Amino acid sequence: MSYEFNTTIQGSFDEAVEKVRAVLLEEHLGVVSEVNVQAIFKAKMDKDIAPYRIFGACNPKLASEILAVEPNAGTLLPCNFVMYESAPGSVVVSFMDPVTVLGLAQSDAAHQVGKVAKEKLLRVIDKLSA
């Protein structure tokens, strides 16, 4: 069972980030967290790496459905994805598979939300790949 699915898009890293944000909004997913790994590595270890960020995407309605039934399932939220520059002008976008992650929860509600979230994220991948 895979834990992620991904696509590669062309363009600058900043352009790719804006494109992904826009496509996520089309699926009613917002970015609720962002970790700039590149900046952290530079600040903490004086290590230079290509742009790399970890994002958390969330649909509040779906999150509410899980948390109402299984509050501890919040440890499995939000839907994380990473973006990194694999080569100049080439950016990988990799989403965690919410079916795999939410499959760890005990409730049917979490499993159902995982399926809905995956459908949304697969549509995001399709739009980014087009």
Protein backbone atom coordinates (compact mmCIF):
# COMPACT_ATOMS: atom_id res chain seq x y z
CA MET A 1 0.00 0.00 0.00
CA SER A 2 1.44 3.35 -1.03
CA TYR A 3 1.57 6.28 1.36
CA GLU A 4 1.74 9.01 -1.31
CA PHE A 5 1.02 9.99 -4.90
CA ASN A 6 2.71 12.76 -6.86
CA THR A 7 3.22 14.74 -10.01
CA THR A 8 5.89 17.03 -11.38
CA ILE A 9 5.10 20.49 -12.69
CA GLN A 10 7.28 22.84 -14.66
CA GLY A 11 8.09 26.41 -13.67
CA SER A 12 9.71 28.23 -10.81
CA PHE A 13 9.17 27.00 -7.29
CA ASP A 14 7.18 30.11 -6.28
CA GLU A 15 4.96 29.82 -9.38
CA ALA A 16 4.35 26.15 -8.58
CA VAL A 17 3.35 26.97 -4.99
CA GLU A 18 0.81 29.53 -6.18
CA LYS A 19 -0.56 27.13 -8.80
CA VAL A 20 -1.00 24.35 -6.23
CA ARG A 21 -2.72 26.73 -3.79
CA ALA A 22 -5.17 27.81 -6.51
CA VAL A 23 -5.98 24.26 -7.59
CA LEU A 24 -6.47 23.15 -3.98
CA LEU A 25 -9.02 25.95 -3.50
CA GLU A 26 -10.96 24.65 -6.50
CA GLU A 27 -11.43 21.44 -4.48
CA HIS A 28 -12.33 23.40 -1.30
CA LEU A 29 -8.99 22.64 0.34
CA GLY A 30 -6.99 25.38 1.99
CA VAL A 31 -3.38 25.44 3.12
CA VAL A 32 -3.45 25.69 6.91
CA SER A 33 0.24 25.12 7.63
CA GLU A 34 3.56 25.55 5.89
CA VAL A 35 7.06 24.53 6.93
CA ASN A 36 9.96 25.97 4.95
CA VAL A 37 12.48 23.13 5.32
CA GLN A 38 15.02 24.97 3.17
CA ALA A 39 15.02 27.96 5.56
CA ILE A 40 15.13 25.76 8.67
CA PHE A 41 18.13 23.78 7.40
CA LYS A 42 19.92 27.02 6.58
CA ALA A 43 19.15 28.62 9.95
CA LYS A 44 19.79 25.58 12.15
CA MET A 45 22.58 23.77 10.31
CA ASP A 46 23.90 26.33 7.79
CA LYS A 47 23.00 23.75 5.15
CA ASP A 48 21.89 24.84 1.71
CA ILE A 49 19.26 22.72 -0.05
CA ALA A 50 16.93 23.30 -2.98
CA PRO A 51 13.48 24.69 -2.13
CA TYR A 52 11.53 22.16 -0.05
CA ARG A 53 8.30 22.83 1.85
CA ILE A 54 5.84 20.75 3.83
CA PHE A 55 2.23 21.93 3.68
CA GLY A 56 -0.95 20.92 5.46
CA ALA A 57 -4.16 21.04 3.42
CA CYS A 58 -7.56 20.95 5.06
CA ASN A 59 -11.24 20.90 4.26
CA PRO A 60 -12.89 22.01 7.53
CA LYS A 61 -16.13 20.13 6.80
CA LEU A 62 -14.28 16.84 6.35
CA ALA A 63 -12.11 17.45 9.42
CA SER A 64 -15.23 18.19 11.46
CA GLU A 65 -16.81 14.89 10.42
CA ILE A 66 -13.81 12.93 11.71
CA LEU A 67 -13.28 14.91 14.91
CA ALA A 68 -16.95 14.65 15.90
CA VAL A 69 -16.64 10.87 15.99
CA GLU A 70 -12.98 10.31 16.84
CA PRO A 71 -11.30 13.36 18.40
CA ASN A 72 -7.87 11.70 18.59
CA ALA A 73 -7.90 11.28 14.81
CA GLY A 74 -6.78 14.90 14.73
CA THR A 75 -3.27 13.48 15.04
CA LEU A 76 -3.73 12.27 11.46
CA LEU A 77 -4.75 15.69 10.14
CA PRO A 78 -4.30 17.76 8.03
CA CYS A 79 -3.55 16.15 4.68
CA ASN A 80 0.16 16.80 4.30
CA PHE A 81 1.92 17.35 1.04
CA VAL A 82 5.43 18.33 0.08
CA MET A 83 6.80 20.42 -2.73
CA TYR A 84 10.43 20.41 -3.71
CA GLU A 85 12.56 21.47 -6.61
CA SER A 86 13.94 18.28 -8.17
CA ALA A 87 15.83 20.25 -10.83
CA PRO A 88 15.79 23.90 -11.89
CA GLY A 89 12.32 24.59 -13.27
CA SER A 90 10.93 21.21 -12.15
CA VAL A 91 8.87 20.92 -8.96
CA VAL A 92 7.55 17.69 -7.44
CA VAL A 93 4.23 17.85 -5.60
CA SER A 94 3.66 14.78 -3.40
CA PHE A 95 0.47 14.25 -1.40
CA MET A 96 0.08 11.80 1.45
CA ASP A 97 -2.58 9.22 0.72
CA PRO A 98 -5.44 10.07 3.11
CA VAL A 99 -6.93 6.57 2.70
CA THR A 100 -3.72 5.05 4.02
CA VAL A 101 -3.29 7.56 6.84
CA LEU A 102 -6.93 7.74 7.95
CA GLY A 103 -7.11 3.96 7.65
CA LEU A 104 -5.21 3.96 10.95
CA ALA A 105 -8.30 5.39 12.67
CA GLN A 106 -10.97 3.13 14.13
CA SER A 107 -14.11 4.85 12.85
CA ASP A 108 -16.00 4.35 9.64
CA ALA A 109 -16.33 8.16 9.47
CA ALA A 110 -12.55 8.54 9.26
CA HIS A 111 -12.32 5.88 6.56
CA GLN A 112 -15.08 7.55 4.54
CA VAL A 113 -13.48 10.98 4.88
CA GLY A 114 -10.19 9.47 3.73
CA LYS A 115 -11.87 8.27 0.54
CA VAL A 116 -13.47 11.66 -0.14
CA ALA A 117 -10.22 13.51 0.57
CA LYS A 118 -8.28 11.19 -1.74
CA GLU A 119 -10.78 11.81 -4.55
CA LYS A 120 -10.26 15.55 -4.10
CA LEU A 121 -6.47 15.24 -4.05
CA LEU A 122 -6.45 13.00 -7.12
CA ARG A 123 -8.44 15.68 -8.95
CA VAL A 124 -5.80 18.20 -7.83
CA ILE A 125 -3.08 15.95 -9.28
CA ASP A 126 -5.03 15.60 -12.54
CA LYS A 127 -5.43 19.38 -12.86
CA LEU A 128 -1.76 19.99 -12.08
CA SER A 129 -0.69 17.34 -14.60
CA ALA A 130 -2.88 18.75 -17.40
